[in-house]
Amino acid sequence: MLHQSSSASEMTINEDEEEFDHIDASTLSREDLNSMTITQLKNLLKSKGKKVAGNKSELINRLLQSSNGREDSALLSNGNGPSSTNYAFSATPITITLQQPVPKETKPAEEVNFATLRFNAKLNEMSKNMGASTAPKVESLLLDALNKYEQHVQNQTANNTSNPRELIIPNTVSFTNAITAWARCSRKDSPHRAQALLDKMHYLYKVRKWSHVKPNKISYNSVINAWARSTERGSGRKAEKLLNELWKFWEEEGREWELKPDARSFNSVINAIARSREKDCADRAKDLLDEMGRLYNEGDTELLPHAVSFGAIINAYANSLEEGASDKAAQLLMHMESLYQLGFENAKPTTFVYNACMNAFAKDPCISVPSNDAAKKAEQLLASLEKRYDEERDGRVKPDCISYSTVINAYANSATVQSGINADVILRRMINRYLLGDNKCRPNAVAFTATIKAHSAAINATTSSLDCAEDGNVNEMVKTYARRCEDLLQQLCLLRRSHGFDQSLKPTGVTFDLVLSALTQVKDWDGVERVKKLRDEESSNTVERIKLFQDEES
């Protein structure tokens, strides 16, 4: 196992300890453990040689794991056992053996003069500003200091003098601060500028033999993060390549702790790949997640995935529009739930993860197939999220307007006769939560438009049946759906006016077009005129609001 330094939360319990050596944890049920105090649980874990950090639920889960003969190292294997040769590093797979302890580097830090410390502190403070002009300023300061130092080195060689105390000597921290500034910058060339600084560090370290500018994993992580934030084509693969290079550098430098990729390295690359929108990005990101699991199984207990990484992969599956993608997303969500129940707090599914999984079902290419129940599965996930929040009152799992709008959209995409009715049910649930004081569930134009779309889909599904084309009851049903579309539009416009013409409640051109199309299909020409008039009023109100805003500005 890797050597890990003990955190404060894992130090000796200072409370009065009880003797638990005689207790067989395997004979205790969850109810028995629930009845014990946190101190008793920690002392029981301590007597068994287990970690004592965590809340009561985590302590109980850890005891149950050990009593069932399971070790934490098996938890990231997706239930199929750890992978052996299926590495995620597709370009140049690196076999990493972690059976032998890899001690944390203990060599003394190089002495840094006060001028350099003050300079690094200034760069660090500047790098926190995410403005587009900050990174160029930070890099300019760094390169200016570097040029002065290089001139001094040349003079020093000629005159055999020492470094003056007031001389700034740019080091690893200096360069990493500049790289971080570029990683936080919104400019399109940010990742390239960050990469160039990392390349400069390697040149100074390897060619000029400047050990004080040696890149470390923080330097690499910052560049990886720059690529993860980029929308440039191929950014995910460039982030993945950097991770490979970091592994190689770690090997070349004798496996120094400062160079070993950590959870942040992996999670950033996973996010970069998942967001790349490339055809196979979801599966590639999932492969890297499995690679983390393999390394964790081999003893690298730092490599724990974060809920954000799971969410990014699930979202990538949703955007892939591939058959079976929704099932893969659901499996990942269930795997997260299993990890959380076994004590991995960072793996707890969040609202974003639930929403991403619901979106995967909403975008399922087979959702409109009559036998497909993807929309129902999305609603089941919403119900699970509602229940979880009502029980736990944890803001991380609180349903929001995106949750409800996504399920409504799932029913709209299902394009069945019941689409509109089902969408109305979800919209009412959303409105009820908002009326009960939950501002995160405040309805917006997206939710109303999706509901209108669902009723429009129901009209198309009903009229497409040849058997029902001449059925009077069916025709009346279609008219009801069309009138409901107009009612929803009227409600949306009234809401917007009552909320000071809030932009989030502004109906779009799509909203009006859907309603006009529905009314035209049932030949409700009066309704068509009403909607056209309403559209003109909304447009006029928007122009007046813009003029009023301009007058106030002037």
Protein backbone atom coordinates (compact mmCIF):
# COMPACT_ATOMS: atom_id res chain seq x y z
CA MET A 1 0.00 0.00 0.00
CA LEU A 2 1.13 3.57 -0.55
CA HIS A 3 2.42 5.33 2.48
CA GLN A 4 -0.08 7.93 3.59
CA SER A 5 0.53 10.65 6.15
CA SER A 6 -2.12 10.66 8.83
CA SER A 7 -4.60 13.50 8.75
CA ALA A 8 -5.82 15.22 11.88
CA SER A 9 -9.14 13.40 11.63
CA GLU A 10 -7.34 10.04 11.75
CA MET A 11 -5.27 10.68 14.87
CA THR A 12 -5.72 8.90 18.18
CA ILE A 13 -9.12 9.27 19.78
CA ASN A 14 -8.78 11.40 22.90
CA GLU A 15 -12.04 10.35 24.47
CA ASP A 16 -12.30 7.58 27.05
CA GLU A 17 -11.71 4.30 25.22
CA GLU A 18 -13.52 1.05 25.89
CA GLU A 19 -12.18 -2.45 25.32
CA PHE A 20 -13.62 -3.86 22.08
CA ASP A 21 -11.06 -6.55 21.27
CA HIS A 22 -13.44 -9.23 22.48
CA ILE A 23 -16.29 -8.11 20.19
CA ASP A 24 -16.75 -9.90 16.86
CA ALA A 25 -17.96 -7.18 14.45
CA SER A 26 -19.36 -9.82 12.11
CA THR A 27 -22.01 -10.68 14.71
CA LEU A 28 -23.32 -7.10 14.84
CA SER A 29 -26.18 -5.99 12.60
CA ARG A 30 -26.65 -2.48 11.22
CA GLU A 31 -29.27 -1.90 13.92
CA ASP A 32 -26.75 -2.90 16.62
CA LEU A 33 -24.17 -0.52 15.22
CA ASN A 34 -26.72 2.29 14.91
CA SER A 35 -27.42 2.01 18.63
CA MET A 36 -23.76 2.64 19.47
CA THR A 37 -22.22 6.08 19.96
CA ILE A 38 -19.67 7.52 17.55
CA THR A 39 -16.97 7.08 20.20
CA GLN A 40 -17.83 3.40 20.59
CA LEU A 41 -17.80 2.89 16.82
CA LYS A 42 -14.40 4.57 16.50
CA ASN A 43 -12.94 2.51 19.33
CA LEU A 44 -14.28 -0.67 17.74
CA LEU A 45 -12.70 0.27 14.42
CA LYS A 46 -9.45 1.14 16.14
CA SER A 47 -9.33 -2.25 17.85
CA LYS A 48 -9.68 -3.89 14.43
CA GLY A 49 -6.91 -1.77 12.91
CA LYS A 50 -9.30 0.23 10.71
CA LYS A 51 -9.45 3.96 9.94
CA VAL A 52 -11.51 5.94 12.43
CA ALA A 53 -12.20 9.05 10.35
CA GLY A 54 -15.69 9.92 9.15
CA ASN A 55 -19.28 10.45 10.28
CA LYS A 56 -21.42 7.81 11.96
CA SER A 57 -22.81 6.43 8.69
CA GLU A 58 -19.30 6.06 7.26
CA LEU A 59 -18.04 4.31 10.40
CA ILE A 60 -20.93 1.83 10.31
CA ASN A 61 -20.37 1.12 6.62
CA ARG A 62 -16.66 0.51 7.25
CA LEU A 63 -17.43 -1.98 10.03
CA LEU A 64 -19.96 -3.80 7.85
CA GLN A 65 -17.44 -3.96 5.00
CA SER A 66 -14.77 -5.53 7.19
CA SER A 67 -17.22 -8.00 8.71
CA ASN A 68 -18.28 -9.15 5.25
CA GLY A 69 -14.69 -9.77 4.24
CA ARG A 70 -14.62 -6.84 1.82
CA GLU A 71 -11.80 -4.34 1.62
CA ASP A 72 -12.13 -0.76 0.41
CA SER A 73 -9.80 -1.61 -2.45
CA ALA A 74 -12.52 -3.58 -4.23
CA LEU A 75 -15.09 -0.83 -4.23
CA LEU A 76 -14.16 0.77 -7.53
CA SER A 77 -14.38 -2.36 -9.65
CA ASN A 78 -17.98 -1.75 -10.81
CA GLY A 79 -18.98 -5.09 -9.38
CA ASN A 80 -17.08 -7.01 -12.05
CA GLY A 81 -13.72 -7.17 -10.35
CA PRO A 82 -10.75 -4.95 -11.08
CA SER A 83 -9.60 -4.72 -14.66
CA SER A 84 -6.16 -6.11 -15.38
CA THR A 85 -4.98 -5.04 -18.81
CA ASN A 86 -7.65 -2.69 -20.14
CA TYR A 87 -5.83 0.57 -19.53
CA ALA A 88 -7.36 3.92 -20.35
CA PHE A 89 -4.09 5.33 -21.70
CA SER A 90 -4.74 4.30 -25.30
CA ALA A 91 -1.75 6.08 -26.83
CA THR A 92 1.08 4.60 -24.76
CA PRO A 93 -0.25 2.31 -21.99
CA ILE A 94 1.95 2.44 -18.91
CA THR A 95 2.05 -0.50 -16.51
CA ILE A 96 2.26 0.90 -13.01
CA THR A 97 2.99 -1.43 -10.11
CA LEU A 98 2.10 -0.10 -6.68
CA GLN A 99 2.67 -3.15 -4.49
CA GLN A 100 5.90 -1.70 -3.05
CA PRO A 101 5.60 1.29 -0.71
CA VAL A 102 6.32 4.61 -2.38
CA PRO A 103 7.40 6.93 0.45
CA LYS A 104 6.64 10.60 0.29
CA GLU A 105 9.67 12.61 -0.77
CA THR A 106 11.58 13.74 2.33
CA LYS A 107 14.47 15.68 0.79
CA PRO A 108 14.91 19.17 2.29
CA ALA A 109 13.39 22.04 0.37
CA GLU A 110 15.76 24.35 -1.45
CA GLU A 111 16.31 27.66 0.32
CA VAL A 112 14.29 30.48 -1.23
CA ASN A 113 15.21 34.08 -0.54
CA PHE A 114 12.73 36.66 0.70
CA ALA A 115 12.56 38.51 -2.63
CA THR A 116 11.46 35.33 -4.42
CA LEU A 117 8.91 34.49 -1.71
CA ARG A 118 7.41 37.97 -1.98
CA PHE A 119 7.39 37.72 -5.79
CA ASN A 120 5.62 34.35 -5.71
CA ALA A 121 3.04 35.66 -3.25
CA LYS A 122 2.30 38.53 -5.63
CA LEU A 123 1.91 36.19 -8.61
CA ASN A 124 -0.34 33.89 -6.58
CA GLU A 125 -2.62 36.75 -5.57
CA MET A 126 -2.81 38.02 -9.16
CA SER A 127 -3.55 34.55 -10.54
CA LYS A 128 -6.78 34.40 -8.53
CA ASN A 129 -8.28 37.07 -10.79
CA MET A 130 -10.03 35.37 -13.72
CA GLY A 131 -10.01 38.42 -15.98
CA ALA A 132 -8.70 38.09 -19.53
CA SER A 133 -5.90 40.62 -18.91
CA THR A 134 -4.52 39.04 -15.73
CA ALA A 135 -2.66 36.04 -17.17
CA PRO A 136 -0.62 38.10 -19.68
CA LYS A 137 0.44 40.43 -16.84
CA VAL A 138 1.48 37.52 -14.62
CA GLU A 139 3.46 35.91 -17.43
CA SER A 140 5.10 39.24 -18.29
CA LEU A 141 6.26 39.67 -14.69
CA LEU A 142 7.59 36.12 -14.65
CA LEU A 143 9.51 36.44 -17.92
CA ASP A 144 10.93 39.82 -16.87
CA ALA A 145 12.23 38.31 -13.63
CA LEU A 146 13.54 35.32 -15.56
CA ASN A 147 15.48 37.54 -17.99
CA LYS A 148 17.08 39.45 -15.11
CA TYR A 149 18.03 36.21 -13.41
CA GLU A 150 19.55 34.81 -16.62
CA GLN A 151 21.65 37.96 -17.02
CA HIS A 152 22.80 37.57 -13.43
CA VAL A 153 23.72 33.92 -14.04
CA GLN A 154 25.87 34.93 -17.01
CA ASN A 155 27.60 37.64 -14.99
CA GLN A 156 27.94 35.28 -12.04
CA THR A 157 29.74 32.74 -14.21
CA ALA A 158 32.10 35.39 -15.51
CA ASN A 159 32.80 37.08 -12.17
CA ASN A 160 32.31 34.11 -9.82
CA THR A 161 29.86 36.02 -7.60
CA SER A 162 26.96 34.75 -5.47
CA ASN A 163 23.24 35.50 -5.71
CA PRO A 164 22.31 38.77 -3.97
CA ARG A 165 19.49 38.52 -1.43
CA GLU A 166 17.28 40.97 -3.33
CA LEU A 167 17.49 38.97 -6.58
CA ILE A 168 14.26 37.25 -7.63
CA ILE A 169 15.01 33.65 -8.64
CA PRO A 170 11.96 32.31 -10.53
CA ASN A 171 11.26 28.75 -9.42
CA THR A 172 8.65 26.00 -9.75
CA VAL A 173 6.13 27.99 -7.71
CA SER A 174 6.62 31.08 -9.87
CA PHE A 175 5.98 29.20 -13.10
CA THR A 176 3.05 27.27 -11.63
CA ASN A 177 1.38 30.52 -10.55
CA ALA A 178 1.67 31.83 -14.10
CA ILE A 179 0.33 28.56 -15.52
CA THR A 180 -2.59 28.71 -13.09
CA ALA A 181 -3.36 32.27 -14.21
CA TRP A 182 -3.65 31.03 -17.80
CA ALA A 183 -5.76 28.06 -16.70
CA ARG A 184 -8.25 30.50 -15.17
CA CYS A 185 -8.17 32.87 -18.13
CA SER A 186 -11.07 32.99 -20.60
CA ARG A 187 -8.92 33.62 -23.68
CA LYS A 188 -9.01 30.97 -26.41
CA ASP A 189 -5.24 30.61 -26.45
CA SER A 190 -5.04 30.07 -22.68
CA PRO A 191 -4.23 26.32 -22.76
CA HIS A 192 -1.52 26.89 -25.39
CA ARG A 193 0.09 29.62 -23.27
CA ALA A 194 -0.07 27.40 -20.18
CA GLN A 195 1.44 24.51 -22.16
CA ALA A 196 4.25 26.77 -23.42
CA LEU A 197 5.21 27.67 -19.84
CA LEU A 198 5.30 24.00 -18.86
CA ASP A 199 7.52 23.27 -21.86
CA LYS A 200 9.78 26.14 -20.76
CA MET A 201 10.06 24.57 -17.30
CA HIS A 202 11.15 21.26 -18.82
CA TYR A 203 13.74 23.02 -20.97
CA LEU A 204 15.22 24.90 -18.00
CA TYR A 205 15.24 21.76 -15.87
CA LYS A 206 16.57 19.25 -18.40
CA VAL A 207 18.80 21.38 -20.63
CA ARG A 208 19.88 24.24 -18.35
CA LYS A 209 19.94 21.95 -15.29
CA TRP A 210 17.94 24.40 -13.16
CA SER A 211 16.58 22.10 -10.48
CA HIS A 212 14.65 24.95 -8.87
CA VAL A 213 12.35 25.12 -11.94
CA LYS A 214 11.53 21.41 -12.02
CA PRO A 215 7.85 20.84 -12.94
CA ASN A 216 5.69 18.98 -10.42
CA LYS A 217 2.21 17.49 -10.52
CA ILE A 218 0.67 20.84 -9.57
CA SER A 219 2.26 22.39 -12.66
CA TYR A 220 0.89 19.56 -14.80
CA ASN A 221 -2.54 19.67 -13.15
CA SER A 222 -2.85 23.37 -13.91
CA VAL A 223 -2.13 22.81 -17.61
CA ILE A 224 -4.52 19.84 -17.66
CA ASN A 225 -7.15 22.08 -16.08
CA ALA A 226 -6.54 24.68 -18.80
CA TRP A 227 -7.29 22.06 -21.46
CA ALA A 228 -10.31 20.84 -19.47
CA ARG A 229 -11.78 24.36 -19.60
CA SER A 230 -11.07 24.74 -23.31
CA THR A 231 -13.69 24.26 -26.02
CA GLU A 232 -10.99 23.72 -28.65
CA ARG A 233 -11.30 20.58 -30.73
CA GLY A 234 -9.02 17.84 -29.42
CA SER A 235 -8.59 19.43 -25.98
CA GLY A 236 -9.59 16.19 -24.24
CA ARG A 237 -6.90 14.19 -26.02
CA LYS A 238 -4.29 16.84 -25.20
CA ALA A 239 -5.21 16.64 -21.52
CA GLU A 240 -5.00 12.84 -21.71
CA LYS A 241 -1.57 13.10 -23.37
CA LEU A 242 -0.34 15.30 -20.52
CA LEU A 243 -1.43 12.69 -17.99
CA ASN A 244 0.60 10.09 -19.88
CA GLU A 245 3.61 12.42 -19.91
CA LEU A 246 3.28 12.99 -16.17
CA TRP A 247 3.34 9.22 -15.53
CA LYS A 248 6.44 8.94 -17.71
CA PHE A 249 8.16 11.84 -15.94
CA TRP A 250 7.33 10.25 -12.59
CA GLU A 251 9.04 7.03 -13.73
CA GLU A 252 12.09 8.88 -15.12
CA GLU A 253 12.60 10.86 -11.91
CA GLY A 254 12.55 7.83 -9.62
CA ARG A 255 8.87 7.94 -8.71
CA GLU A 256 9.06 11.08 -6.62
CA TRP A 257 5.89 11.82 -4.69
CA GLU A 258 5.72 15.38 -6.06
CA LEU A 259 5.33 13.95 -9.57
CA LYS A 260 2.85 11.12 -9.04
CA PRO A 261 -0.53 11.90 -10.67
CA ASP A 262 -3.25 12.34 -8.06
CA ALA A 263 -7.04 12.34 -8.02
CA ARG A 264 -7.12 15.89 -9.33
CA SER A 265 -4.99 14.86 -12.32
CA PHE A 266 -7.38 12.04 -13.21
CA ASN A 267 -10.59 13.91 -12.49
CA SER A 268 -9.51 16.91 -14.59
CA VAL A 269 -8.63 14.67 -17.56
CA ILE A 270 -11.91 12.76 -17.19
CA ASN A 271 -13.80 16.06 -17.29
CA ALA A 272 -11.78 17.25 -20.29
CA ILE A 273 -12.49 14.07 -22.26
CA ALA A 274 -16.16 13.93 -21.26
CA ARG A 275 -16.76 17.54 -22.33
CA SER A 276 -14.95 17.20 -25.65
CA ARG A 277 -18.14 16.08 -27.49
CA GLU A 278 -16.06 13.66 -29.58
CA LYS A 279 -17.83 10.53 -30.75
CA ASP A 280 -16.27 8.14 -28.21
CA CYS A 281 -15.66 10.65 -25.42
CA ALA A 282 -18.04 9.07 -22.90
CA ASP A 283 -16.52 5.59 -23.20
CA ARG A 284 -12.96 7.00 -23.11
CA ALA A 285 -13.74 8.97 -19.96
CA LYS A 286 -15.33 5.86 -18.44
CA ASP A 287 -12.17 3.87 -19.28
CA LEU A 288 -10.09 6.40 -17.38
CA LEU A 289 -12.48 6.16 -14.43
CA ASP A 290 -11.95 2.38 -14.48
CA GLU A 291 -8.18 2.99 -14.60
CA MET A 292 -8.49 4.99 -11.39
CA GLY A 293 -10.28 2.00 -9.89
CA ARG A 294 -7.53 -0.39 -10.96
CA LEU A 295 -4.81 1.77 -9.41
CA TYR A 296 -6.90 2.21 -6.27
CA ASN A 297 -7.24 -1.57 -6.05
CA GLU A 298 -3.45 -1.86 -6.26
CA GLY A 299 -3.00 0.39 -3.27
CA ASP A 300 -3.19 4.02 -4.38
CA THR A 301 -5.87 5.11 -1.94
CA GLU A 302 -5.60 8.76 -3.03
CA LEU A 303 -7.19 8.00 -6.39
CA LEU A 304 -10.84 8.41 -5.52
CA PRO A 305 -13.17 9.79 -8.22
CA HIS A 306 -15.38 12.77 -7.46
CA ALA A 307 -19.09 13.12 -8.12
CA VAL A 308 -18.26 15.83 -10.67
CA SER A 309 -16.32 13.29 -12.75
CA PHE A 310 -19.19 10.80 -12.64
CA GLY A 311 -21.56 13.59 -13.63
CA ALA A 312 -19.36 14.65 -16.55
CA ILE A 313 -19.32 11.09 -17.93
CA ILE A 314 -23.07 10.68 -17.45
CA ASN A 315 -23.62 14.00 -19.21
CA ALA A 316 -21.35 12.82 -22.05
CA TYR A 317 -23.50 9.71 -22.45
CA ALA A 318 -26.59 11.95 -22.56
CA ASN A 319 -25.09 14.06 -25.34
CA SER A 320 -23.84 11.06 -27.31
CA LEU A 321 -27.37 10.24 -28.57
CA GLU A 322 -26.23 6.63 -28.94
CA GLU A 323 -28.49 3.66 -28.36
CA GLY A 324 -27.91 2.23 -24.89
CA ALA A 325 -26.27 5.43 -23.61
CA SER A 326 -29.05 6.02 -21.08
CA ASP A 327 -28.54 2.55 -19.59
CA LYS A 328 -24.80 3.21 -19.23
CA ALA A 329 -25.60 6.50 -17.51
CA ALA A 330 -28.00 4.77 -15.11
CA GLN A 331 -25.40 2.09 -14.31
CA LEU A 332 -22.89 4.80 -13.40
CA LEU A 333 -25.45 6.47 -11.15
CA MET A 334 -26.14 3.17 -9.38
CA HIS A 335 -22.40 2.60 -9.00
CA MET A 336 -22.06 6.03 -7.39
CA GLU A 337 -24.87 5.18 -4.99
CA SER A 338 -23.15 1.91 -4.05
CA LEU A 339 -19.87 3.69 -3.37
CA TYR A 340 -21.60 6.32 -1.25
CA GLN A 341 -23.46 3.70 0.79
CA LEU A 342 -20.09 2.03 1.46
CA GLY A 343 -18.65 5.22 2.92
CA PHE A 344 -17.23 7.16 -0.03
CA GLU A 345 -18.63 10.62 0.70
CA ASN A 346 -17.26 12.26 -2.48
CA ALA A 347 -19.15 9.74 -4.61
CA LYS A 348 -22.57 10.90 -3.39
CA PRO A 349 -24.80 11.59 -6.41
CA THR A 350 -25.65 15.29 -6.67
CA THR A 351 -28.49 17.17 -8.33
CA PHE A 352 -26.25 17.69 -11.37
CA VAL A 353 -25.65 13.94 -11.65
CA TYR A 354 -29.36 13.13 -11.35
CA ASN A 355 -30.20 15.80 -13.94
CA ALA A 356 -27.56 14.46 -16.32
CA CYS A 357 -28.94 10.94 -15.99
CA MET A 358 -32.51 12.15 -16.54
CA ASN A 359 -31.26 14.02 -19.60
CA ALA A 360 -29.74 10.78 -20.92
CA PHE A 361 -33.20 9.20 -20.82
CA ALA A 362 -34.80 12.34 -22.30
CA LYS A 363 -32.40 12.19 -25.26
CA ASP A 364 -32.53 8.41 -25.68
CA PRO A 365 -32.82 7.78 -29.45
CA CYS A 366 -35.36 5.04 -28.75
CA ILE A 367 -37.55 7.19 -26.50
CA SER A 368 -40.32 7.59 -29.11
CA VAL A 369 -40.61 3.83 -29.68
CA PRO A 370 -44.00 2.80 -28.23
CA SER A 371 -42.49 0.02 -26.12
CA ASN A 372 -39.79 2.30 -24.71
CA ASP A 373 -40.26 3.63 -21.18
CA ALA A 374 -37.31 6.04 -21.07
CA ALA A 375 -39.52 8.96 -20.03
CA LYS A 376 -40.95 6.90 -17.15
CA LYS A 377 -37.42 6.07 -16.02
CA ALA A 378 -36.56 9.77 -16.04
CA GLU A 379 -39.63 10.45 -13.88
CA GLN A 380 -38.60 7.66 -11.50
CA LEU A 381 -35.21 9.34 -11.08
CA LEU A 382 -36.97 12.64 -10.33
CA ALA A 383 -39.14 10.93 -7.71
CA SER A 384 -36.02 9.40 -6.18
CA LEU A 385 -34.34 12.82 -6.06
CA GLU A 386 -37.42 14.41 -4.46
CA LYS A 387 -37.63 11.65 -1.85
CA ARG A 388 -33.93 11.87 -1.09
CA TYR A 389 -34.04 15.60 -0.50
CA ASP A 390 -37.21 15.41 1.59
CA GLU A 391 -35.53 12.80 3.81
CA GLU A 392 -31.99 14.20 4.01
CA ARG A 393 -32.51 17.95 3.52
CA ASP A 394 -29.12 17.99 1.82
CA GLY A 395 -28.79 20.86 -0.64
CA ARG A 396 -26.52 18.75 -2.83
CA VAL A 397 -29.50 16.59 -3.81
CA LYS A 398 -32.18 19.25 -4.09
CA PRO A 399 -34.39 19.13 -7.22
CA ASP A 400 -34.31 22.30 -9.29
CA CYS A 401 -36.06 23.72 -12.34
CA ILE A 402 -33.67 21.78 -14.60
CA SER A 403 -34.75 18.52 -12.97
CA TYR A 404 -38.42 19.09 -13.75
CA SER A 405 -37.86 20.62 -17.19
CA THR A 406 -35.73 17.63 -18.19
CA VAL A 407 -38.46 15.13 -17.30
CA ILE A 408 -41.07 17.26 -19.08
CA ASN A 409 -38.82 17.25 -22.14
CA ALA A 410 -38.51 13.47 -21.86
CA TYR A 411 -42.29 13.15 -22.12
CA ALA A 412 -42.33 15.62 -25.02
CA ASN A 413 -39.74 13.52 -26.85
CA SER A 414 -41.68 10.32 -26.17
CA ALA A 415 -44.34 11.64 -28.58
CA THR A 416 -47.26 9.56 -27.32
CA VAL A 417 -50.93 10.37 -26.90
CA GLN A 418 -50.29 10.76 -23.16
CA SER A 419 -47.26 13.07 -23.54
CA GLY A 420 -49.13 16.28 -22.74
CA ILE A 421 -51.01 14.84 -19.76
CA ASN A 422 -47.81 13.41 -18.25
CA ALA A 423 -45.96 16.69 -18.82
CA ASP A 424 -48.75 18.63 -17.08
CA VAL A 425 -48.37 16.41 -14.00
CA ILE A 426 -44.65 17.19 -13.75
CA LEU A 427 -45.21 20.93 -14.32
CA ARG A 428 -47.78 20.99 -11.51
CA ARG A 429 -45.32 19.24 -9.18
CA MET A 430 -42.76 21.88 -10.03
CA ILE A 431 -45.18 24.76 -9.41
CA ASN A 432 -46.33 23.24 -6.10
CA ARG A 433 -42.77 23.07 -4.81
CA TYR A 434 -42.22 26.68 -5.82
CA LEU A 435 -45.44 27.80 -4.10
CA LEU A 436 -44.27 26.01 -0.95
CA GLY A 437 -41.20 28.25 -0.89
CA ASP A 438 -38.63 26.38 -2.96
CA ASN A 439 -37.18 29.08 -5.23
CA LYS A 440 -34.97 26.56 -7.03
CA CYS A 441 -38.13 25.08 -8.54
CA ARG A 442 -39.43 28.35 -9.91
CA PRO A 443 -40.99 27.63 -13.34
CA ASN A 444 -39.41 29.32 -16.33
CA ALA A 445 -39.95 29.62 -20.08
CA VAL A 446 -38.04 26.38 -20.68
CA ALA A 447 -40.46 24.36 -18.53
CA PHE A 448 -43.55 25.91 -20.12
CA THR A 449 -42.18 25.52 -23.65
CA ALA A 450 -41.34 21.87 -22.99
CA THR A 451 -44.90 21.28 -21.73
CA ILE A 452 -46.35 22.97 -24.82
CA LYS A 453 -44.05 20.79 -26.92
CA ALA A 454 -45.42 17.70 -25.13
CA HIS A 455 -49.03 18.66 -25.95
CA SER A 456 -48.02 19.36 -29.55
CA ALA A 457 -46.43 15.90 -29.70
CA ALA A 458 -49.64 14.40 -28.32
CA ILE A 459 -51.60 16.08 -31.13
CA ASN A 460 -49.28 14.59 -33.74
CA ALA A 461 -49.42 11.15 -32.13
CA THR A 462 -53.22 11.25 -32.06
CA THR A 463 -53.78 12.51 -35.59
CA SER A 464 -51.19 10.15 -37.11
CA SER A 465 -53.42 7.18 -36.36
CA LEU A 466 -55.42 6.43 -39.53
CA ASP A 467 -58.01 4.53 -37.51
CA CYS A 468 -58.80 7.62 -35.50
CA ALA A 469 -58.73 10.20 -38.29
CA GLU A 470 -62.53 10.42 -38.56
CA ASP A 471 -63.31 9.77 -34.89
CA GLY A 472 -65.25 12.71 -33.44
CA ASN A 473 -64.03 12.02 -29.91
CA VAL A 474 -60.45 12.05 -31.09
CA ASN A 475 -60.95 15.35 -32.90
CA GLU A 476 -62.32 16.87 -29.71
CA MET A 477 -59.32 15.51 -27.79
CA VAL A 478 -56.94 17.14 -30.27
CA LYS A 479 -58.75 20.48 -29.88
CA THR A 480 -58.36 20.15 -26.11
CA TYR A 481 -54.60 19.65 -26.49
CA ALA A 482 -54.38 22.71 -28.78
CA ARG A 483 -56.34 24.89 -26.34
CA ARG A 484 -54.05 23.69 -23.56
CA CYS A 485 -51.06 24.89 -25.58
CA GLU A 486 -52.60 28.36 -25.79
CA ASP A 487 -53.50 28.34 -22.08
CA LEU A 488 -49.90 27.51 -21.15
CA LEU A 489 -48.61 30.37 -23.31
CA GLN A 490 -51.08 32.81 -21.69
CA GLN A 491 -49.99 31.66 -18.21
CA LEU A 492 -46.34 32.16 -19.12
CA CYS A 493 -46.94 35.70 -20.38
CA LEU A 494 -48.97 36.60 -17.27
CA LEU A 495 -46.22 35.24 -15.03
CA ARG A 496 -43.64 37.31 -16.85
CA ARG A 497 -45.65 40.50 -16.44
CA SER A 498 -46.28 39.82 -12.75
CA HIS A 499 -42.53 39.31 -12.24
CA GLY A 500 -41.42 42.56 -13.83
CA PHE A 501 -40.87 41.10 -17.30
CA ASP A 502 -38.30 38.63 -16.02
CA GLN A 503 -36.15 37.38 -18.92
CA SER A 504 -36.25 33.78 -17.65
CA LEU A 505 -40.02 33.83 -18.28
CA LYS A 506 -39.85 35.33 -21.76
CA PRO A 507 -41.44 33.03 -24.38
CA THR A 508 -39.20 32.38 -27.37
CA GLY A 509 -40.02 32.17 -31.06
CA VAL A 510 -40.16 28.39 -30.64
CA THR A 511 -42.80 28.77 -27.93
CA PHE A 512 -45.07 30.86 -30.15
CA ASP A 513 -44.49 28.67 -33.21
CA LEU A 514 -45.48 25.50 -31.32
CA VAL A 515 -48.76 27.08 -30.18
CA LEU A 516 -49.56 28.52 -33.61
CA SER A 517 -48.89 25.14 -35.22
CA ALA A 518 -51.18 23.36 -32.75
CA LEU A 519 -54.04 25.83 -33.29
CA THR A 520 -53.59 25.69 -37.06
CA GLN A 521 -53.83 21.89 -37.01
CA VAL A 522 -57.28 22.09 -35.40
CA LYS A 523 -58.25 25.08 -37.58
CA ASP A 524 -58.82 27.35 -34.59
CA TRP A 525 -58.32 30.58 -36.52
CA ASP A 526 -59.55 32.79 -33.68
CA GLY A 527 -56.91 31.23 -31.45
CA VAL A 528 -54.27 31.84 -34.11
CA GLU A 529 -55.17 35.55 -34.17
CA ARG A 530 -55.06 35.76 -30.36
CA VAL A 531 -51.58 34.25 -30.27
CA LYS A 532 -50.32 36.54 -33.04
CA LYS A 533 -51.63 39.54 -31.12
CA LEU A 534 -49.98 38.27 -27.93
CA ARG A 535 -46.69 37.85 -29.78
CA ASP A 536 -46.86 41.46 -31.01
CA GLU A 537 -47.59 42.67 -27.46
CA GLU A 538 -44.62 40.75 -26.07
CA SER A 539 -42.38 42.13 -28.78
CA SER A 540 -43.62 45.67 -28.10
CA ASN A 541 -43.06 45.26 -24.35
CA THR A 542 -39.52 44.10 -25.01
CA VAL A 543 -38.75 47.15 -27.17
CA GLU A 544 -40.20 49.48 -24.53
CA ARG A 545 -38.14 47.82 -21.79
CA ILE A 546 -34.96 48.22 -23.85
CA LYS A 547 -35.67 51.92 -24.49
CA LEU A 548 -36.40 52.47 -20.79
CA PHE A 549 -33.15 50.77 -19.83
CA GLN A 550 -31.19 52.91 -22.32
CA ASP A 551 -32.79 56.09 -20.95
CA GLU A 552 -31.85 55.10 -17.40
CA GLU A 553 -28.27 54.37 -18.48
CA SER A 554 -27.94 57.76 -20.17
